[in-house]
Structures are given as C-alpha cells and as structure tokens.
Amino acid sequence: MSSGNSNLLVSCKNKSGAEKHYLPALKAAGWAGTVLLVTPGDPLPDLAGIAGLLLTGGDDIHPRHWDEAEAVHLKADVDAGRDGFEIPLVRAAWERRLPILGICRGEQVLNVALGGSLVQDIPDHYGCEPSRHQHGTPDQPDMRHRVQLAPGSRLRALLGEDVFLVNSRHHQAVKRVAPLLAAVGWHLDTVHAATGPLVEAVETTDPTRWVFGVQWHPENLVGLKGPAGDAARDLFAAFVKAIGHR
C-alpha cells in the first residue's frame, strides 16, 4: 500500500479519459496516494516529488523521433504535442530511476524515448488484415488474440501467466527495441520475416529498475474473471507496490 503523501504522475491525452479508465485500476490495486494528471498543455512537471510514472494510450508517434528520414505513414495520426511532452518526461523519469508503466502508446513512447523505433502501420508492415489488432472499445474490451510471454522474464513472474488473451486496439508497434529494454511478449501469429513476431511487451534489462511496457489495455480488463483479468490486476498491483517501495 502506498503512503498517503506519495505522488503518482499519469501522462495522458485528456484528463477525463484517464480518470474514467486508468484511475479505477490504480485504486483497485491499492493506490492511496495523490494522482497528478498531466497533458501536453501543462508545464513539464518537477519529478522531485514523484514516486512513479504511468504513460497511457493515445495517438501515434512521429517517426522523426527515431529516423529523421522516415516519412509519416498515410495511416498515422501523429500527436506531436504528446511526443514533445512525453519523450523528455520518460528520459527524466529514467534518470531519476522512477518506476514506469507504459500502456499501448505508453509502451511505444517508452521504447522511442530510450532509443528504439516503431512499426508505423501493422497491416502494412506485417501484411495482415487491418482488423487484426483493432477490436473493441475501452468500455467493451474484445478479447481477440493471445500474448506469449518469455518464460524467464520478470513480466512473466509478475503476471503468473505464460499465455493469455488480451484486448487489442493499435496499428503501431515496437520495431527496434531500445537498448535499455528487452522484448518479453509477442503475438506469435503476426510475424514479419525480418523483424519477427509483433512485440506486445517490453521490460528493462536492469534488474534494479521497475520499468515495463505492454501493448494491450489492462486498465480495461481489471474487472474480468480469468487469466486476462488476473494478469491485469497483477500488473497494476506490482506497479503500485514498486511505487510504494520508493
């Protein structure tokens, strides 16, 4: 359980959406401290009083952040405001060794900020049907595909499952994994000959840090019974525990 004077920073596209979909999951996991919601319109926060950083879902990341020569994909919906706000925020949080949890876009911006790259459009890159990773809504999650976790990974140990169903609402994904991270989860049915299976989860390679990113939306799954709900609850509980230990 976190202490009452702890501050958790949540970076989001809009505060009402974060309050509806992310805060209940944090509170259910035992978070009792203050939640500070920030959007690109806010000043970059001072991290001195922050115990952890949650990066939420949202729109796409501009390719100039990993390759100046790469053009924006026709299907990309870039959120330059969040890029400019969150990339420095991730790097500052990393420098302070804060626990970081990235969800969907949050996983992607975590990877980019630490030196990785993205697939700009999954159907184009992997040659799969456009709907494969676009199902359901935040209020009505649609469990359509399985995630396979690396057996020896810290994420596997935290979640207690090797394979489980997830919801999937994204058209970008991790391509080149940042040097400070490792891919530890995949969708094995979406594969490219050069880049391998689609990355669904990453974690820090530094065992003294708590930094994880997942491509699915566990905040929408915490109320479900079964392995997917268990994994979602375990992820938020581990995050809250990590923050409480700072």
C-alpha atoms as a PDB file:
ATOM      1  CA  MET A   1       0.000   0.000   0.000  1.00  0.00           C
ATOM      2  CA  SER A   2       1.335   3.414  -0.919  1.00  0.00           C
ATOM      3  CA  SER A   3       1.828   6.175   1.598  1.00  0.00           C
ATOM      4  CA  GLY A   4      -0.695   8.983   1.608  1.00  0.00           C
ATOM      5  CA  ASN A   5       1.813  11.669   0.654  1.00  0.00           C
ATOM      6  CA  SER A   6       3.120   9.899  -2.440  1.00  0.00           C
ATOM      7  CA  ASN A   7       2.518  11.341  -5.890  1.00  0.00           C
ATOM      8  CA  LEU A   8       1.881   9.250  -8.979  1.00  0.00           C
ATOM      9  CA  LEU A   9       2.227  11.049 -12.311  1.00  0.00           C
ATOM     10  CA  VAL A  10      -0.127   9.975 -15.124  1.00  0.00           C
ATOM     11  CA  SER A  11       0.585  11.372 -18.603  1.00  0.00           C
ATOM     12  CA  CYS A  12      -2.485  11.309 -20.838  1.00  0.00           C
ATOM     13  CA  LYS A  13      -4.255  12.778 -23.854  1.00  0.00           C
ATOM     14  CA  ASN A  14      -7.190  14.054 -21.803  1.00  0.00           C
ATOM     15  CA  LYS A  15      -7.739  14.009 -18.063  1.00  0.00           C
ATOM     16  CA  SER A  16     -11.363  12.895 -18.127  1.00  0.00           C
ATOM     17  CA  GLY A  17     -10.448   9.753 -20.073  1.00  0.00           C
ATOM     18  CA  ALA A  18      -7.641   8.923 -17.666  1.00  0.00           C
ATOM     19  CA  GLU A  19      -9.935   9.478 -14.685  1.00  0.00           C
ATOM     20  CA  LYS A  20     -12.501   7.103 -16.146  1.00  0.00           C
ATOM     21  CA  HIS A  21     -10.288   4.287 -17.385  1.00  0.00           C
ATOM     22  CA  TYR A  22      -6.959   4.323 -15.532  1.00  0.00           C
ATOM     23  CA  LEU A  23      -7.588   5.697 -12.045  1.00  0.00           C
ATOM     24  CA  PRO A  24     -10.074   2.966 -11.047  1.00  0.00           C
ATOM     25  CA  ALA A  25      -7.486   0.301 -11.928  1.00  0.00           C
ATOM     26  CA  LEU A  26      -4.855   2.062  -9.806  1.00  0.00           C
ATOM     27  CA  LYS A  27      -7.198   2.480  -6.860  1.00  0.00           C
ATOM     28  CA  ALA A  28      -8.337  -1.147  -7.073  1.00  0.00           C
ATOM     29  CA  ALA A  29      -4.650  -2.133  -6.944  1.00  0.00           C
ATOM     30  CA  GLY A  30      -4.252  -0.284  -3.657  1.00  0.00           C
ATOM     31  CA  TRP A  31      -3.014   3.150  -4.687  1.00  0.00           C
ATOM     32  CA  ALA A  32      -3.929   5.572  -1.896  1.00  0.00           C
ATOM     33  CA  GLY A  33      -1.649   8.486  -2.719  1.00  0.00           C
ATOM     34  CA  THR A  34      -2.163  11.510  -4.936  1.00  0.00           C
ATOM     35  CA  VAL A  35      -2.580  11.115  -8.705  1.00  0.00           C
ATOM     36  CA  LEU A  36      -1.299  14.012 -10.794  1.00  0.00           C
ATOM     37  CA  LEU A  37      -2.758  14.010 -14.307  1.00  0.00           C
ATOM     38  CA  VAL A  38      -0.733  15.878 -16.937  1.00  0.00           C
ATOM     39  CA  THR A  39      -1.376  16.605 -20.611  1.00  0.00           C
ATOM     40  CA  PRO A  40       0.772  18.347 -23.240  1.00  0.00           C
ATOM     41  CA  GLY A  41      -0.836  21.695 -22.349  1.00  0.00           C
ATOM     42  CA  ASP A  42       0.617  21.534 -18.852  1.00  0.00           C
ATOM     43  CA  PRO A  43       4.133  22.612 -17.827  1.00  0.00           C
ATOM     44  CA  LEU A  44       6.624  19.762 -17.645  1.00  0.00           C
ATOM     45  CA  PRO A  45       6.307  18.600 -14.028  1.00  0.00           C
ATOM     46  CA  ASP A  46       9.050  18.641 -11.445  1.00  0.00           C
ATOM     47  CA  LEU A  47       9.778  14.986 -10.735  1.00  0.00           C
ATOM     48  CA  ALA A  48      11.332  15.639  -7.321  1.00  0.00           C
ATOM     49  CA  GLY A  49       8.090  14.725  -5.543  1.00  0.00           C
ATOM     50  CA  ILE A  50       7.007  11.974  -7.955  1.00  0.00           C
ATOM     51  CA  ALA A  51       7.136   8.291  -6.998  1.00  0.00           C
ATOM     52  CA  GLY A  52       6.161   6.730 -10.356  1.00  0.00           C
ATOM     53  CA  LEU A  53       5.079   7.432 -13.942  1.00  0.00           C
ATOM     54  CA  LEU A  54       2.172   5.912 -15.870  1.00  0.00           C
ATOM     55  CA  LEU A  55       2.083   6.537 -19.627  1.00  0.00           C
ATOM     56  CA  THR A  56      -1.391   5.998 -21.079  1.00  0.00           C
ATOM     57  CA  GLY A  57      -2.717   5.135 -24.526  1.00  0.00           C
ATOM     58  CA  GLY A  58      -3.363   7.572 -27.374  1.00  0.00           C
ATOM     59  CA  ASP A  59      -2.398   8.549 -30.901  1.00  0.00           C
ATOM     60  CA  ASP A  60       0.735   7.876 -32.926  1.00  0.00           C
ATOM     61  CA  ILE A  61       4.370   8.947 -32.520  1.00  0.00           C
ATOM     62  CA  HIS A  62       6.156  10.904 -35.261  1.00  0.00           C
ATOM     63  CA  PRO A  63       8.894   8.845 -36.974  1.00  0.00           C
ATOM     64  CA  ARG A  64      11.385  11.737 -36.765  1.00  0.00           C
ATOM     65  CA  HIS A  65      11.973  10.665 -33.179  1.00  0.00           C
ATOM     66  CA  TRP A  66      13.768   7.539 -34.375  1.00  0.00           C
ATOM     67  CA  ASP A  67      14.690   8.373 -38.016  1.00  0.00           C
ATOM     68  CA  GLU A  68      14.740  11.880 -39.488  1.00  0.00           C
ATOM     69  CA  ALA A  69      14.426  10.426 -42.990  1.00  0.00           C
ATOM     70  CA  GLU A  70      11.338   8.277 -42.359  1.00  0.00           C
ATOM     71  CA  ALA A  71       8.133   9.799 -43.693  1.00  0.00           C
ATOM     72  CA  VAL A  72       4.874   9.766 -41.739  1.00  0.00           C
ATOM     73  CA  HIS A  73       2.732   6.800 -42.823  1.00  0.00           C
ATOM     74  CA  LEU A  74      -0.511   7.677 -44.589  1.00  0.00           C
ATOM     75  CA  LYS A  75      -2.499   5.904 -41.868  1.00  0.00           C
ATOM     76  CA  ALA A  76      -0.635   7.515 -38.960  1.00  0.00           C
ATOM     77  CA  ASP A  77      -2.408  10.006 -36.720  1.00  0.00           C
ATOM     78  CA  VAL A  78       0.529  11.766 -35.086  1.00  0.00           C
ATOM     79  CA  ASP A  79       0.194  13.518 -31.732  1.00  0.00           C
ATOM     80  CA  ALA A  80       3.200  15.849 -31.882  1.00  0.00           C
ATOM     81  CA  GLY A  81       2.155  17.602 -28.689  1.00  0.00           C
ATOM     82  CA  ARG A  82       2.380  14.426 -26.661  1.00  0.00           C
ATOM     83  CA  ASP A  83       5.626  13.443 -28.376  1.00  0.00           C
ATOM     84  CA  GLY A  84       7.249  16.708 -27.332  1.00  0.00           C
ATOM     85  CA  PHE A  85       5.904  16.406 -23.806  1.00  0.00           C
ATOM     86  CA  GLU A  86       6.368  12.711 -23.079  1.00  0.00           C
ATOM     87  CA  ILE A  87       9.746  11.879 -24.613  1.00  0.00           C
ATOM     88  CA  PRO A  88      11.630  14.284 -22.303  1.00  0.00           C
ATOM     89  CA  LEU A  89       9.386  13.153 -19.439  1.00  0.00           C
ATOM     90  CA  VAL A  90      10.321   9.498 -19.945  1.00  0.00           C
ATOM     91  CA  ARG A  91      14.013  10.342 -20.094  1.00  0.00           C
ATOM     92  CA  ALA A  92      13.790  12.439 -16.935  1.00  0.00           C
ATOM     93  CA  ALA A  93      11.893   9.667 -15.139  1.00  0.00           C
ATOM     94  CA  TRP A  94      14.515   7.148 -16.276  1.00  0.00           C
ATOM     95  CA  GLU A  95      17.301   9.369 -14.940  1.00  0.00           C
ATOM     96  CA  ARG A  96      15.540   9.505 -11.571  1.00  0.00           C
ATOM     97  CA  ARG A  97      15.072   5.708 -11.630  1.00  0.00           C
ATOM     98  CA  LEU A  98      11.311   6.031 -11.207  1.00  0.00           C
ATOM     99  CA  PRO A  99       9.032   3.031 -11.697  1.00  0.00           C
ATOM    100  CA  ILE A 100       7.473   3.429 -15.170  1.00  0.00           C
ATOM    101  CA  LEU A 101       4.488   1.613 -16.673  1.00  0.00           C
ATOM    102  CA  GLY A 102       3.715   2.261 -20.346  1.00  0.00           C
ATOM    103  CA  ILE A 103       0.383   1.140 -21.820  1.00  0.00           C
ATOM    104  CA  CYS A 104      -0.228   0.969 -25.603  1.00  0.00           C
ATOM    105  CA  ARG A 105       1.103   4.338 -26.852  1.00  0.00           C
ATOM    106  CA  GLY A 106       2.837   4.493 -23.469  1.00  0.00           C
ATOM    107  CA  GLU A 107       4.831   1.360 -24.301  1.00  0.00           C
ATOM    108  CA  GLN A 108       5.703   2.822 -27.694  1.00  0.00           C
ATOM    109  CA  VAL A 109       6.838   6.223 -26.382  1.00  0.00           C
ATOM    110  CA  LEU A 110       8.864   4.474 -23.659  1.00  0.00           C
ATOM    111  CA  ASN A 111      10.664   2.491 -26.358  1.00  0.00           C
ATOM    112  CA  VAL A 112      11.229   5.522 -28.613  1.00  0.00           C
ATOM    113  CA  ALA A 113      12.418   7.781 -25.778  1.00  0.00           C
ATOM    114  CA  LEU A 114      15.039   5.195 -24.808  1.00  0.00           C
ATOM    115  CA  GLY A 115      16.356   4.756 -28.361  1.00  0.00           C
ATOM    116  CA  GLY A 116      14.035   2.309 -30.116  1.00  0.00           C
ATOM    117  CA  SER A 117      11.833   2.560 -33.218  1.00  0.00           C
ATOM    118  CA  LEU A 118       8.279   1.667 -34.248  1.00  0.00           C
ATOM    119  CA  VAL A 119       6.335  -0.065 -36.987  1.00  0.00           C
ATOM    120  CA  GLN A 120       4.142   2.784 -38.230  1.00  0.00           C
ATOM    121  CA  ASP A 121       1.326   0.597 -39.548  1.00  0.00           C
ATOM    122  CA  ILE A 122       0.905  -3.040 -38.560  1.00  0.00           C
ATOM    123  CA  PRO A 123      -1.212  -4.183 -41.564  1.00  0.00           C
ATOM    124  CA  ASP A 124       1.257  -2.578 -43.979  1.00  0.00           C
ATOM    125  CA  HIS A 125       4.366  -3.989 -42.285  1.00  0.00           C
ATOM    126  CA  TYR A 126       3.104  -7.468 -41.448  1.00  0.00           C
ATOM    127  CA  GLY A 127       0.745  -7.953 -44.387  1.00  0.00           C
ATOM    128  CA  CYS A 128      -2.170  -8.839 -42.124  1.00  0.00           C
ATOM    129  CA  GLU A 129      -5.818  -7.822 -42.262  1.00  0.00           C
ATOM    130  CA  PRO A 130      -6.462  -4.263 -40.958  1.00  0.00           C
ATOM    131  CA  SER A 131      -8.822  -5.502 -38.246  1.00  0.00           C
ATOM    132  CA  ARG A 132      -6.417  -7.958 -36.586  1.00  0.00           C
ATOM    133  CA  HIS A 133      -5.298  -5.533 -33.877  1.00  0.00           C
ATOM    134  CA  GLN A 134      -8.321  -3.210 -33.881  1.00  0.00           C
ATOM    135  CA  HIS A 135     -11.124  -4.660 -31.755  1.00  0.00           C
ATOM    136  CA  GLY A 136     -13.420  -3.425 -29.022  1.00  0.00           C
ATOM    137  CA  THR A 137     -13.524  -0.187 -27.047  1.00  0.00           C
ATOM    138  CA  PRO A 138     -12.359   0.924 -23.584  1.00  0.00           C
ATOM    139  CA  ASP A 139     -15.843   0.244 -22.219  1.00  0.00           C
ATOM    140  CA  GLN A 140     -16.315  -3.035 -24.089  1.00  0.00           C
ATOM    141  CA  PRO A 141     -12.986  -4.855 -24.419  1.00  0.00           C
ATOM    142  CA  ASP A 142     -12.949  -7.504 -27.111  1.00  0.00           C
ATOM    143  CA  MET A 143     -10.523 -10.331 -26.392  1.00  0.00           C
ATOM    144  CA  ARG A 144      -9.250 -11.423 -29.778  1.00  0.00           C
ATOM    145  CA  HIS A 145      -5.681 -12.687 -29.569  1.00  0.00           C
ATOM    146  CA  ARG A 146      -3.141 -14.254 -27.267  1.00  0.00           C
ATOM    147  CA  VAL A 147       0.074 -12.813 -25.902  1.00  0.00           C
ATOM    148  CA  GLN A 148       3.027 -15.124 -25.321  1.00  0.00           C
ATOM    149  CA  LEU A 149       5.403 -14.018 -22.552  1.00  0.00           C
ATOM    150  CA  ALA A 150       9.053 -15.045 -22.323  1.00  0.00           C
ATOM    151  CA  PRO A 151       9.208 -17.786 -19.642  1.00  0.00           C
ATOM    152  CA  GLY A 152      12.218 -16.331 -17.826  1.00  0.00           C
ATOM    153  CA  SER A 153      11.093 -12.703 -17.936  1.00  0.00           C
ATOM    154  CA  ARG A 154      10.268 -10.532 -14.942  1.00  0.00           C
ATOM    155  CA  LEU A 155       6.888  -9.732 -16.523  1.00  0.00           C
ATOM    156  CA  ARG A 156       6.043 -13.438 -16.651  1.00  0.00           C
ATOM    157  CA  ALA A 157       6.937 -13.715 -12.970  1.00  0.00           C
ATOM    158  CA  LEU A 158       4.785 -10.688 -12.104  1.00  0.00           C
ATOM    159  CA  LEU A 159       1.722 -11.792 -14.060  1.00  0.00           C
ATOM    160  CA  GLY A 160       1.858 -15.505 -13.335  1.00  0.00           C
ATOM    161  CA  GLU A 161       0.828 -16.476 -16.875  1.00  0.00           C
ATOM    162  CA  ASP A 162       2.750 -17.603 -19.960  1.00  0.00           C
ATOM    163  CA  VAL A 163      -0.087 -17.136 -22.438  1.00  0.00           C
ATOM    164  CA  PHE A 164      -3.360 -15.230 -22.094  1.00  0.00           C
ATOM    165  CA  LEU A 165      -5.930 -13.386 -24.175  1.00  0.00           C
ATOM    166  CA  VAL A 166      -5.745  -9.594 -24.435  1.00  0.00           C
ATOM    167  CA  ASN A 167      -7.702  -6.742 -25.956  1.00  0.00           C
ATOM    168  CA  SER A 168      -6.022  -5.074 -28.919  1.00  0.00           C
ATOM    169  CA  ARG A 169      -6.571  -1.538 -30.255  1.00  0.00           C
ATOM    170  CA  HIS A 170      -3.462  -0.319 -32.067  1.00  0.00           C
ATOM    171  CA  HIS A 171      -1.924  -0.017 -35.511  1.00  0.00           C
ATOM    172  CA  GLN A 172       1.647   0.832 -34.453  1.00  0.00           C
ATOM    173  CA  ALA A 173       4.052  -1.382 -32.515  1.00  0.00           C
ATOM    174  CA  VAL A 174       7.640  -1.685 -31.306  1.00  0.00           C
ATOM    175  CA  LYS A 175      10.066  -2.443 -34.145  1.00  0.00           C
ATOM    176  CA  ARG A 176      13.655  -1.992 -32.958  1.00  0.00           C
ATOM    177  CA  VAL A 177      13.728  -2.491 -29.205  1.00  0.00           C
ATOM    178  CA  ALA A 178      15.558   0.218 -27.265  1.00  0.00           C
ATOM    179  CA  PRO A 179      18.998  -0.856 -25.972  1.00  0.00           C
ATOM    180  CA  LEU A 180      17.872  -0.394 -22.365  1.00  0.00           C
ATOM    181  CA  LEU A 181      14.832  -2.647 -22.883  1.00  0.00           C
ATOM    182  CA  ALA A 182      14.111  -6.212 -23.931  1.00  0.00           C
ATOM    183  CA  ALA A 183      11.109  -7.650 -25.761  1.00  0.00           C
ATOM    184  CA  VAL A 184       9.371 -10.144 -23.464  1.00  0.00           C
ATOM    185  CA  GLY A 185       5.901 -10.570 -25.030  1.00  0.00           C
ATOM    186  CA  TRP A 186       4.720 -11.258 -28.582  1.00  0.00           C
ATOM    187  CA  HIS A 187       1.723 -12.000 -30.775  1.00  0.00           C
ATOM    188  CA  LEU A 188       3.113 -15.093 -32.471  1.00  0.00           C
ATOM    189  CA  ASP A 189       0.544 -15.058 -35.287  1.00  0.00           C
ATOM    190  CA  THR A 190       1.646 -11.628 -36.565  1.00  0.00           C
ATOM    191  CA  VAL A 191       5.128 -12.184 -37.961  1.00  0.00           C
ATOM    192  CA  HIS A 192       7.499 -10.400 -40.358  1.00  0.00           C
ATOM    193  CA  ALA A 193      10.419 -12.245 -41.953  1.00  0.00           C
ATOM    194  CA  ALA A 194      12.906  -9.532 -40.991  1.00  0.00           C
ATOM    195  CA  THR A 195      11.587  -8.231 -37.681  1.00  0.00           C
ATOM    196  CA  GLY A 196       9.983 -11.382 -36.274  1.00  0.00           C
ATOM    197  CA  PRO A 197       6.716 -11.566 -34.304  1.00  0.00           C
ATOM    198  CA  LEU A 198       4.888  -8.414 -33.240  1.00  0.00           C
ATOM    199  CA  VAL A 199       6.168  -7.175 -29.879  1.00  0.00           C
ATOM    200  CA  GLU A 200       3.460  -6.981 -27.192  1.00  0.00           C
ATOM    201  CA  ALA A 201       5.563  -6.245 -24.089  1.00  0.00           C
ATOM    202  CA  VAL A 202       8.946  -4.863 -23.072  1.00  0.00           C
ATOM    203  CA  GLU A 203      10.833  -4.608 -19.795  1.00  0.00           C
ATOM    204  CA  THR A 204      14.046  -3.002 -18.600  1.00  0.00           C
ATOM    205  CA  THR A 205      17.216  -5.070 -18.792  1.00  0.00           C
ATOM    206  CA  ASP A 206      18.328  -3.511 -15.480  1.00  0.00           C
ATOM    207  CA  PRO A 207      17.086  -5.741 -12.631  1.00  0.00           C
ATOM    208  CA  THR A 208      17.345  -2.840 -10.166  1.00  0.00           C
ATOM    209  CA  ARG A 209      14.676  -0.838 -12.021  1.00  0.00           C
ATOM    210  CA  TRP A 210      10.883  -1.308 -12.380  1.00  0.00           C
ATOM    211  CA  VAL A 211      10.109  -0.360 -15.999  1.00  0.00           C
ATOM    212  CA  PHE A 212       7.581  -2.242 -18.128  1.00  0.00           C
ATOM    213  CA  GLY A 213       5.519  -1.577 -21.240  1.00  0.00           C
ATOM    214  CA  VAL A 214       2.534  -3.522 -22.595  1.00  0.00           C
ATOM    215  CA  GLN A 215       0.799  -3.078 -25.919  1.00  0.00           C
ATOM    216  CA  TRP A 216      -2.660  -4.119 -24.779  1.00  0.00           C
ATOM    217  CA  HIS A 217      -5.021  -2.234 -22.418  1.00  0.00           C
ATOM    218  CA  PRO A 218      -5.006  -3.877 -18.958  1.00  0.00           C
ATOM    219  CA  GLU A 219      -6.879  -0.927 -17.456  1.00  0.00           C
ATOM    220  CA  ASN A 220      -9.972  -2.193 -19.296  1.00  0.00           C
ATOM    221  CA  LEU A 221      -9.507  -5.781 -18.091  1.00  0.00           C
ATOM    222  CA  VAL A 222      -9.150  -5.475 -14.304  1.00  0.00           C
ATOM    223  CA  GLY A 223     -12.833  -6.268 -13.771  1.00  0.00           C
ATOM    224  CA  LEU A 224     -12.750  -9.518 -15.755  1.00  0.00           C
ATOM    225  CA  LYS A 225     -12.569 -13.038 -14.366  1.00  0.00           C
ATOM    226  CA  GLY A 226      -9.985 -15.455 -15.709  1.00  0.00           C
ATOM    227  CA  PRO A 227      -6.312 -15.201 -16.747  1.00  0.00           C
ATOM    228  CA  ALA A 228      -6.612 -11.858 -18.593  1.00  0.00           C
ATOM    229  CA  GLY A 229      -8.230 -10.159 -15.621  1.00  0.00           C
ATOM    230  CA  ASP A 230      -5.762 -11.786 -13.219  1.00  0.00           C
ATOM    231  CA  ALA A 231      -2.816 -10.579 -15.319  1.00  0.00           C
ATOM    232  CA  ALA A 232      -4.225  -7.039 -15.495  1.00  0.00           C
ATOM    233  CA  ARG A 233      -4.780  -6.847 -11.740  1.00  0.00           C
ATOM    234  CA  ASP A 234      -1.338  -8.298 -11.044  1.00  0.00           C
ATOM    235  CA  LEU A 235       0.316  -5.719 -13.310  1.00  0.00           C
ATOM    236  CA  PHE A 236      -1.269  -2.738 -11.572  1.00  0.00           C
ATOM    237  CA  ALA A 237      -0.647  -4.277  -8.152  1.00  0.00           C
ATOM    238  CA  ALA A 238       3.047  -4.734  -8.979  1.00  0.00           C
ATOM    239  CA  PHE A 239       3.260  -1.122 -10.179  1.00  0.00           C
ATOM    240  CA  VAL A 240       1.646   0.208  -7.001  1.00  0.00           C
ATOM    241  CA  LYS A 241       3.971  -1.962  -4.903  1.00  0.00           C
ATOM    242  CA  ALA A 242       7.027  -0.673  -6.772  1.00  0.00           C
ATOM    243  CA  ILE A 243       5.980   2.934  -6.208  1.00  0.00           C
ATOM    244  CA  GLY A 244       5.303   2.278  -2.526  1.00  0.00           C
ATOM    245  CA  HIS A 245       8.839   0.976  -2.060  1.00  0.00           C
ATOM    246  CA  ARG A 246      10.452   4.248  -3.187  1.00  0.00           C
END
